C-alpha atoms as a PDB file:
ATOM      1  CA  MET A   1      91.572   8.327 -21.175  1.00  0.00           C
ATOM      2  CA  LEU A   2      91.641   7.060 -24.750  1.00  0.00           C
ATOM      3  CA  SER A   3      90.664   3.456 -25.358  1.00  0.00           C
ATOM      4  CA  LEU A   4      92.866   1.107 -27.328  1.00  0.00           C
ATOM      5  CA  LYS A   5      90.321   1.149 -30.190  1.00  0.00           C
ATOM      6  CA  LYS A   6      90.432   4.949 -30.426  1.00  0.00           C
ATOM      7  CA  ILE A   7      94.226   4.971 -30.352  1.00  0.00           C
ATOM      8  CA  GLY A   8      94.274   2.364 -33.136  1.00  0.00           C
ATOM      9  CA  LEU A   9      91.809   4.389 -35.241  1.00  0.00           C
ATOM     10  CA  ILE A  10      93.812   7.581 -34.740  1.00  0.00           C
ATOM     11  CA  ALA A  11      97.017   5.761 -35.745  1.00  0.00           C
ATOM     12  CA  LEU A  12      95.367   4.174 -38.806  1.00  0.00           C
ATOM     13  CA  GLY A  13      93.835   7.526 -39.779  1.00  0.00           C
ATOM     14  CA  THR A  14      97.170   9.309 -39.464  1.00  0.00           C
ATOM     15  CA  ILE A  15      98.995   6.649 -41.494  1.00  0.00           C
ATOM     16  CA  SER A  16      96.331   6.717 -44.224  1.00  0.00           C
ATOM     17  CA  LEU A  17      96.515  10.531 -44.238  1.00  0.00           C
ATOM     18  CA  ALA A  18     100.298  10.446 -44.714  1.00  0.00           C
ATOM     19  CA  ILE A  19     100.104   7.871 -47.518  1.00  0.00           C
ATOM     20  CA  GLY A  20      97.148   9.728 -49.068  1.00  0.00           C
ATOM     21  CA  ILE A  21      99.159  12.950 -49.167  1.00  0.00           C
ATOM     22  CA  ILE A  22     102.019  11.075 -50.846  1.00  0.00           C
ATOM     23  CA  GLY A  23      99.406   9.781 -53.305  1.00  0.00           C
ATOM     24  CA  ILE A  24      98.665  13.340 -54.379  1.00  0.00           C
ATOM     25  CA  PHE A  25     102.106  13.363 -55.984  1.00  0.00           C
ATOM     26  CA  LEU A  26     102.381   9.667 -56.967  1.00  0.00           C
ATOM     27  CA  PRO A  27      99.449   8.681 -59.177  1.00  0.00           C
ATOM     28  CA  LEU A  28      99.597   4.947 -58.386  1.00  0.00           C
ATOM     29  CA  ILE A  29      98.670   5.509 -54.736  1.00  0.00           C
ATOM     30  CA  PRO A  30      94.870   5.778 -54.317  1.00  0.00           C
ATOM     31  CA  THR A  31      94.585   9.202 -52.669  1.00  0.00           C
ATOM     32  CA  THR A  32      90.812   9.533 -52.308  1.00  0.00           C
ATOM     33  CA  PRO A  33      90.153   6.119 -50.716  1.00  0.00           C
ATOM     34  CA  LEU A  34      92.987   6.685 -48.245  1.00  0.00           C
ATOM     35  CA  LEU A  35      91.643  10.114 -47.328  1.00  0.00           C
ATOM     36  CA  LEU A  36      88.151   8.648 -46.953  1.00  0.00           C
ATOM     37  CA  LEU A  37      89.664   6.105 -44.554  1.00  0.00           C
ATOM     38  CA  THR A  38      91.310   8.980 -42.674  1.00  0.00           C
ATOM     39  CA  SER A  39      87.962  10.748 -42.396  1.00  0.00           C
ATOM     40  CA  TYR A  40      86.241   7.585 -41.120  1.00  0.00           C
ATOM     41  CA  CYS A  41      88.969   6.880 -38.569  1.00  0.00           C
ATOM     42  CA  TYR A  42      88.990  10.430 -37.244  1.00  0.00           C
ATOM     43  CA  ILE A  43      85.179  10.658 -37.104  1.00  0.00           C
ATOM     44  CA  SER A  44      85.086   7.376 -35.187  1.00  0.00           C
ATOM     45  CA  SER A  45      87.831   8.270 -32.737  1.00  0.00           C
ATOM     46  CA  SER A  46      88.343  11.994 -32.215  1.00  0.00           C
ATOM     47  CA  GLU A  47      85.977  14.888 -32.785  1.00  0.00           C
ATOM     48  CA  LYS A  48      88.908  17.320 -32.564  1.00  0.00           C
ATOM     49  CA  LEU A  49      90.986  15.529 -35.250  1.00  0.00           C
ATOM     50  CA  SER A  50      87.898  15.077 -37.397  1.00  0.00           C
ATOM     51  CA  GLU A  51      87.144  18.808 -37.279  1.00  0.00           C
ATOM     52  CA  LYS A  52      90.754  19.709 -38.068  1.00  0.00           C
ATOM     53  CA  PHE A  53      90.821  17.322 -41.038  1.00  0.00           C
ATOM     54  CA  MET A  54      87.469  18.588 -42.366  1.00  0.00           C
ATOM     55  CA  ASN A  55      88.809  22.147 -42.331  1.00  0.00           C
ATOM     56  CA  THR A  56      91.788  21.365 -44.582  1.00  0.00           C
ATOM     57  CA  LYS A  57      92.148  22.068 -48.301  1.00  0.00           C
ATOM     58  CA  ILE A  58      92.931  18.385 -48.808  1.00  0.00           C
ATOM     59  CA  TYR A  59      89.528  17.411 -47.402  1.00  0.00           C
ATOM     60  CA  ASP A  60      87.798  20.040 -49.544  1.00  0.00           C
ATOM     61  CA  LYS A  61      89.497  18.898 -52.721  1.00  0.00           C
ATOM     62  CA  TYR A  62      89.505  15.113 -52.350  1.00  0.00           C
ATOM     63  CA  VAL A  63      86.858  14.070 -49.831  1.00  0.00           C
ATOM     64  CA  ARG A  64      84.067  16.640 -49.328  1.00  0.00           C
ATOM     65  CA  ASN A  65      82.052  15.884 -52.492  1.00  0.00           C
ATOM     66  CA  PHE A  66      82.285  12.153 -51.941  1.00  0.00           C
ATOM     67  CA  HIS A  67      81.439  12.454 -48.259  1.00  0.00           C
ATOM     68  CA  GLU A  68      78.523  14.862 -48.711  1.00  0.00           C
ATOM     69  CA  LYS A  69      77.166  13.881 -52.147  1.00  0.00           C
ATOM     70  CA  GLY A  70      78.257  10.245 -52.403  1.00  0.00           C
ATOM     71  CA  GLY A  71      80.240  10.699 -55.603  1.00  0.00           C
ATOM     72  CA  MET A  72      82.643  12.765 -57.680  1.00  0.00           C
ATOM     73  CA  THR A  73      82.346  15.120 -60.611  1.00  0.00           C
ATOM     74  CA  LEU A  74      83.225  13.800 -64.057  1.00  0.00           C
ATOM     75  CA  LYS A  75      86.173  16.196 -64.146  1.00  0.00           C
ATOM     76  CA  ALA A  76      87.500  14.803 -60.858  1.00  0.00           C
ATOM     77  CA  LYS A  77      87.090  11.231 -62.074  1.00  0.00           C
ATOM     78  CA  LEU A  78      88.947  11.979 -65.302  1.00  0.00           C
ATOM     79  CA  THR A  79      91.647  13.932 -63.475  1.00  0.00           C
ATOM     80  CA  LEU A  80      92.292  10.880 -61.323  1.00  0.00           C
ATOM     81  CA  THR A  81      91.871   8.212 -64.004  1.00  0.00           C
ATOM     82  CA  ILE A  82      93.733   9.565 -67.043  1.00  0.00           C
ATOM     83  CA  PRO A  83      97.195  10.095 -65.500  1.00  0.00           C
ATOM     84  CA  VAL A  84      97.093   6.697 -63.786  1.00  0.00           C
ATOM     85  CA  SER A  85      95.926   5.018 -66.999  1.00  0.00           C
ATOM     86  CA  LEU A  86      98.798   6.601 -68.936  1.00  0.00           C
ATOM     87  CA  LEU A  87     101.316   5.552 -66.301  1.00  0.00           C
ATOM     88  CA  LEU A  88      99.952   1.996 -66.239  1.00  0.00           C
ATOM     89  CA  LEU A  89     100.025   1.869 -70.048  1.00  0.00           C
ATOM     90  CA  PHE A  90     103.668   2.979 -70.016  1.00  0.00           C
ATOM     91  CA  MET A  91     104.472   0.309 -67.431  1.00  0.00           C
ATOM     92  CA  PHE A  92     102.563  -2.324 -69.421  1.00  0.00           C
ATOM     93  CA  ILE A  93     104.558  -1.499 -72.572  1.00  0.00           C
ATOM     94  CA  THR A  94     107.961  -1.373 -70.888  1.00  0.00           C
ATOM     95  CA  ILE A  95     107.707  -4.402 -68.579  1.00  0.00           C
ATOM     96  CA  ASP A  96     108.389  -7.850 -70.048  1.00  0.00           C
ATOM     97  CA  SER A  97     107.021 -10.009 -67.235  1.00  0.00           C
ATOM     98  CA  PRO A  98     103.629 -11.577 -68.081  1.00  0.00           C
ATOM     99  CA  ILE A  99     102.805 -11.727 -64.359  1.00  0.00           C
ATOM    100  CA  MET A 100     103.460  -8.006 -63.917  1.00  0.00           C
ATOM    101  CA  LYS A 101     101.461  -7.226 -67.074  1.00  0.00           C
ATOM    102  CA  THR A 102      98.561  -9.177 -65.586  1.00  0.00           C
ATOM    103  CA  VAL A 103      98.852  -7.234 -62.317  1.00  0.00           C
ATOM    104  CA  ILE A 104      98.879  -3.941 -64.247  1.00  0.00           C
ATOM    105  CA  VAL A 105      95.758  -4.914 -66.207  1.00  0.00           C
ATOM    106  CA  ILE A 106      93.987  -5.931 -62.975  1.00  0.00           C
ATOM    107  CA  MET A 107      94.947  -2.610 -61.337  1.00  0.00           C
ATOM    108  CA  TRP A 108      93.654  -0.665 -64.335  1.00  0.00           C
ATOM    109  CA  LEU A 109      90.414  -2.647 -64.488  1.00  0.00           C
ATOM    110  CA  ALA A 110      89.839  -2.183 -60.758  1.00  0.00           C
ATOM    111  CA  LYS A 111      90.280   1.568 -61.083  1.00  0.00           C
ATOM    112  CA  VAL A 112      87.969   1.788 -64.104  1.00  0.00           C
ATOM    113  CA  ILE A 113      85.306  -0.341 -62.426  1.00  0.00           C
ATOM    114  CA  VAL A 114      85.411   1.683 -59.213  1.00  0.00           C
ATOM    115  CA  PHE A 115      85.120   5.011 -61.024  1.00  0.00           C
ATOM    116  CA  THR A 116      82.432   3.704 -63.391  1.00  0.00           C
ATOM    117  CA  LYS A 117      80.261   2.437 -60.547  1.00  0.00           C
ATOM    118  CA  MET A 118      80.830   5.541 -58.425  1.00  0.00           C
ATOM    119  CA  LYS A 119      78.082   8.152 -58.629  1.00  0.00           C
ATOM    120  CA  THR A 120      78.863  11.075 -60.933  1.00  0.00           C
ATOM    121  CA  ILE A 121      77.618  14.339 -59.458  1.00  0.00           C
ATOM    122  CA  LYS A 122      76.851  17.420 -61.482  1.00  0.00           C
ATOM    123  CA  VAL A 123      79.049  20.519 -61.191  1.00  0.00           C
ATOM    124  CA  GLU A 124      76.029  22.631 -60.140  1.00  0.00           C
ATOM    125  CA  ALA A 125      75.488  20.358 -57.137  1.00  0.00           C
ATOM    126  CA  VAL A 126      79.075  20.970 -56.060  1.00  0.00           C
ATOM    127  CA  LYS A 127      78.768  24.756 -56.307  1.00  0.00           C
ATOM    128  CA  ASN A 128      75.778  24.759 -53.941  1.00  0.00           C
ATOM    129  CA  VAL A 129      77.758  23.146 -51.134  1.00  0.00           C
END
């Protein structure tokens, strides 16, 4: 019988997976962190769900390098950062509220700081996996 903790982790993992998948199409939603949360929740609660998730294309594309190598390639970082930066810039220009402009700047800075501090792995290291 599943414990309450495992049920909670499975539910949290499934919710973060759903929102992470939506984030693939909406650049403001942080896809990779949500999918990392999914991986953690499934690993901690269900070997079967964890295996299923690790065998998906979504895991391969967004999580595997981070999970196995502790970072992302420069191309992956730029692919995630540039579209969001452009969208945030557009929002910053078109919104008149100083409070919202401050929130946008904080969001952009947080994203830049996270990706700057995150380990950049070489493409050759990815090919050997």
